[in-house]
Amino acid sequence: MAGPASIDPPGPTRRRALFTDRDGTLNPDLHYLKDADRLELFRGVGRAVALAHRHGFVVICVTNQSGVERGLYTREDVERIHRRLNELLRRDGSEIDAFYYCPHAPERRCACRKPGTLLFEQAQKEWDLELATSAIVGDRRLDIEAGARLGLLTALVPSRTHPEQSTEEFSSTDLRPDIVAETFENAVLRVLARG
């Protein structure tokens, strides 16, 4: 008499990501930031990143950095800023797991510049991400548009420097974020509340 059929254990589950923009979302947008010493984080960002990690999210920053191609700063400057950003986050016991950035000017119309999705797709492959359970937080329409193209939960944190710009960008489109929050921390809390 044959025994019960064996059932293979399930394979490892794919990870979910909290994608985030950088300038205007994690830190004040200083317009072509070159000097890492000028970087400051918005209040609550470290706590929010740590909380996302505790809830099983990989936290990935995807940012447009056209200043590289425009000759305003170098790739090394961008990487120094990202190292400094993680130094500041470690004060709250957190860090960004990976940074992906587009160095091209908008005129290039490249696939890696948001709202293009190439960098997200690269992260998906490298981190084995399940996009359907992932989210994005950003301060611009291009962040929300990229997230919508990928089927992510989208959260908008309107620019603190130019809040009218964030709302005006949506006035001529049917595109709407799933969540609108005043701060990055509140956006992350609302993402987590959605499960």
Protein backbone atom coordinates (compact mmCIF):
# COMPACT_ATOMS: atom_id res chain seq x y z
CA MET A 1 0.00 0.00 0.00
CA ALA A 2 1.47 3.26 -1.07
CA GLY A 3 2.05 5.94 1.52
CA PRO A 4 0.71 9.49 1.22
CA ALA A 5 2.08 11.54 -1.64
CA SER A 6 4.94 13.72 -0.53
CA ILE A 7 4.42 17.45 -0.75
CA ASP A 8 7.41 19.58 -1.55
CA PRO A 9 7.89 22.40 0.92
CA PRO A 10 7.09 25.81 -0.53
CA GLY A 11 9.99 27.68 -2.07
CA PRO A 12 11.31 30.83 -0.47
CA THR A 13 8.81 33.67 -0.64
CA ARG A 14 9.69 36.67 -2.70
CA ARG A 15 10.43 39.88 -0.87
CA ARG A 16 8.35 43.01 -0.88
CA ALA A 17 9.91 46.42 -1.28
CA LEU A 18 9.26 49.89 -0.03
CA PHE A 19 10.61 52.01 -2.86
CA THR A 20 11.30 55.63 -2.03
CA ASP A 21 12.35 58.76 -3.84
CA ARG A 22 15.23 60.74 -2.32
CA ASP A 23 15.20 64.56 -2.66
CA GLY A 24 11.99 66.07 -1.33
CA THR A 25 10.92 62.74 0.18
CA LEU A 26 13.67 61.59 2.55
CA ASN A 27 15.54 64.89 2.69
CA PRO A 28 14.90 68.52 1.73
CA ASP A 29 15.35 69.13 -1.98
CA LEU A 30 18.34 71.47 -2.14
CA HIS A 31 18.26 71.53 -5.96
CA TYR A 32 21.23 69.61 -7.37
CA LEU A 33 22.74 68.67 -4.02
CA LYS A 34 26.47 68.06 -4.44
CA ASP A 35 27.92 68.35 -0.93
CA ALA A 36 27.13 65.37 1.32
CA ASP A 37 27.74 67.52 4.41
CA ARG A 38 24.64 69.59 3.52
CA LEU A 39 22.37 66.53 3.60
CA GLU A 40 19.68 66.51 6.29
CA LEU A 41 16.83 64.05 6.73
CA PHE A 42 13.24 65.00 7.41
CA ARG A 43 12.12 64.23 10.95
CA GLY A 44 10.85 60.68 11.37
CA VAL A 45 12.53 59.21 8.29
CA GLY A 46 14.86 56.98 10.30
CA ARG A 47 12.02 55.65 12.45
CA ALA A 48 9.91 54.98 9.36
CA VAL A 49 12.66 53.09 7.53
CA ALA A 50 13.34 51.00 10.64
CA LEU A 51 9.61 50.25 10.95
CA ALA A 52 9.39 49.18 7.30
CA HIS A 53 12.30 46.79 7.88
CA ARG A 54 10.59 45.34 10.95
CA HIS A 55 7.54 44.64 8.79
CA GLY A 56 9.63 42.70 6.28
CA PHE A 57 10.18 45.32 3.59
CA VAL A 58 13.40 45.80 1.67
CA VAL A 59 13.85 49.59 1.45
CA ILE A 60 15.16 50.78 -1.91
CA CYS A 61 15.76 54.36 -3.02
CA VAL A 62 15.23 55.13 -6.71
CA THR A 63 16.21 58.68 -7.65
CA ASN A 64 16.70 60.85 -10.73
CA GLN A 65 20.06 62.61 -10.62
CA SER A 66 20.31 64.54 -13.88
CA GLY A 67 22.98 66.76 -12.35
CA VAL A 68 25.51 64.07 -13.28
CA GLU A 69 24.93 64.43 -17.02
CA ARG A 70 24.55 68.20 -16.67
CA GLY A 71 28.06 68.32 -15.15
CA LEU A 72 26.87 69.80 -11.83
CA TYR A 73 28.23 66.89 -9.79
CA THR A 74 29.77 63.48 -10.33
CA ARG A 75 28.73 59.89 -9.71
CA GLU A 76 31.18 59.90 -6.81
CA ASP A 77 29.31 62.87 -5.30
CA VAL A 78 26.02 60.96 -5.57
CA GLU A 79 27.55 57.90 -3.92
CA ARG A 80 29.01 60.05 -1.11
CA ILE A 81 25.55 61.49 -0.48
CA HIS A 82 24.07 57.99 -0.32
CA ARG A 83 26.73 56.87 2.15
CA ARG A 84 26.02 59.97 4.26
CA LEU A 85 22.28 59.30 4.09
CA ASN A 86 22.80 55.83 5.51
CA GLU A 87 25.13 57.20 8.20
CA LEU A 88 22.29 59.48 9.34
CA LEU A 89 19.75 56.65 9.19
CA ARG A 90 21.92 54.37 11.31
CA ARG A 91 21.35 56.74 14.23
CA ASP A 92 17.82 55.31 14.25
CA GLY A 93 19.02 51.74 13.66
CA SER A 94 18.06 51.67 9.99
CA GLU A 95 19.44 52.15 6.52
CA ILE A 96 18.46 52.08 2.87
CA ASP A 97 19.19 48.60 1.51
CA ALA A 98 20.04 49.77 -2.01
CA PHE A 99 20.23 52.93 -4.10
CA TYR A 100 19.48 53.09 -7.82
CA TYR A 101 19.82 56.35 -9.71
CA CYS A 102 19.46 57.68 -13.21
CA PRO A 103 22.28 60.09 -14.15
CA HIS A 104 20.65 61.32 -17.37
CA ALA A 105 18.97 64.61 -18.27
CA PRO A 106 15.24 64.48 -19.12
CA GLU A 107 15.97 65.29 -22.75
CA ARG A 108 17.64 61.89 -23.10
CA ARG A 109 14.21 60.20 -22.62
CA CYS A 110 15.94 57.15 -21.19
CA ALA A 111 14.14 54.18 -19.68
CA CYS A 112 15.92 54.51 -16.34
CA ARG A 113 14.67 58.02 -15.53
CA LYS A 114 11.42 58.03 -13.59
CA PRO A 115 8.63 57.70 -14.61
CA GLY A 116 10.51 55.03 -16.57
CA THR A 117 10.63 51.72 -14.76
CA LEU A 118 13.99 50.24 -15.76
CA LEU A 119 15.67 50.81 -12.37
CA PHE A 120 12.71 49.27 -10.54
CA GLU A 121 12.84 46.25 -12.83
CA GLN A 122 16.57 45.94 -12.19
CA ALA A 123 15.93 46.05 -8.44
CA GLN A 124 13.16 43.48 -8.81
CA LYS A 125 15.56 41.02 -10.40
CA GLU A 126 18.48 41.69 -8.08
CA TRP A 127 16.40 41.52 -4.89
CA ASP A 128 13.81 38.94 -6.01
CA LEU A 129 10.92 41.32 -5.32
CA GLU A 130 7.19 40.76 -5.53
CA LEU A 131 5.94 44.04 -6.96
CA ALA A 132 2.27 43.29 -6.29
CA THR A 133 2.96 43.52 -2.53
CA SER A 134 5.38 46.46 -2.79
CA ALA A 135 4.87 50.21 -2.48
CA ILE A 136 6.46 53.52 -3.42
CA VAL A 137 6.63 56.83 -1.55
CA GLY A 138 7.54 59.98 -3.46
CA ASP A 139 6.88 63.69 -3.73
CA ARG A 140 6.26 64.02 -7.48
CA ARG A 141 3.90 62.76 -10.13
CA LEU A 142 6.74 60.89 -11.82
CA ASP A 143 7.15 58.73 -8.68
CA ILE A 144 3.44 57.93 -8.62
CA GLU A 145 3.36 57.29 -12.37
CA ALA A 146 6.27 54.85 -12.17
CA GLY A 147 4.61 53.06 -9.28
CA ALA A 148 1.27 52.84 -11.08
CA ARG A 149 2.95 51.35 -14.17
CA LEU A 150 4.41 48.62 -11.97
CA GLY A 151 1.25 47.93 -9.97
CA LEU A 152 2.72 49.26 -6.71
CA LEU A 153 0.77 50.83 -3.88
CA THR A 154 1.54 54.54 -4.37
CA ALA A 155 1.95 57.18 -1.65
CA LEU A 156 2.48 60.89 -2.29
CA VAL A 157 4.16 63.19 0.21
CA PRO A 158 3.61 66.64 -1.33
CA SER A 159 6.75 68.75 -1.57
CA ARG A 160 7.28 70.86 1.54
CA THR A 161 9.18 73.43 -0.49
CA HIS A 162 6.66 73.66 -3.34
CA PRO A 163 3.41 71.96 -2.22
CA GLU A 164 1.47 73.59 -5.04
CA GLN A 165 3.75 71.90 -7.57
CA SER A 166 2.81 68.45 -6.26
CA THR A 167 -0.92 69.11 -6.65
CA GLU A 168 -0.64 70.96 -9.97
CA GLU A 169 1.20 68.00 -11.50
CA PHE A 170 -1.96 65.90 -11.09
CA SER A 171 -4.43 68.49 -12.35
CA SER A 172 -4.18 67.45 -16.01
CA THR A 173 -4.34 63.69 -15.51
CA ASP A 174 -6.60 60.98 -14.11
CA LEU A 175 -3.60 59.53 -12.26
CA ARG A 176 -4.03 59.69 -8.49
CA PRO A 177 -1.89 58.30 -5.65
CA ASP A 178 -3.44 55.63 -3.43
CA ILE A 179 -2.27 57.52 -0.34
CA VAL A 180 -1.54 61.19 0.33
CA ALA A 181 0.33 61.94 3.56
CA GLU A 182 1.97 65.01 5.07
CA THR A 183 5.25 63.27 5.92
CA PHE A 184 7.29 60.26 4.88
CA GLU A 185 6.72 58.70 8.28
CA ASN A 186 2.93 59.05 7.98
CA ALA A 187 3.05 57.65 4.44
CA VAL A 188 4.94 54.56 5.65
CA LEU A 189 2.50 54.06 8.53
CA ARG A 190 -0.39 54.15 6.08
CA VAL A 191 1.36 51.75 3.71
CA LEU A 192 1.88 49.33 6.58
CA ALA A 193 -1.75 49.71 7.63
CA ARG A 194 -2.76 48.48 4.17
CA GLY A 195 -0.89 45.24 4.88
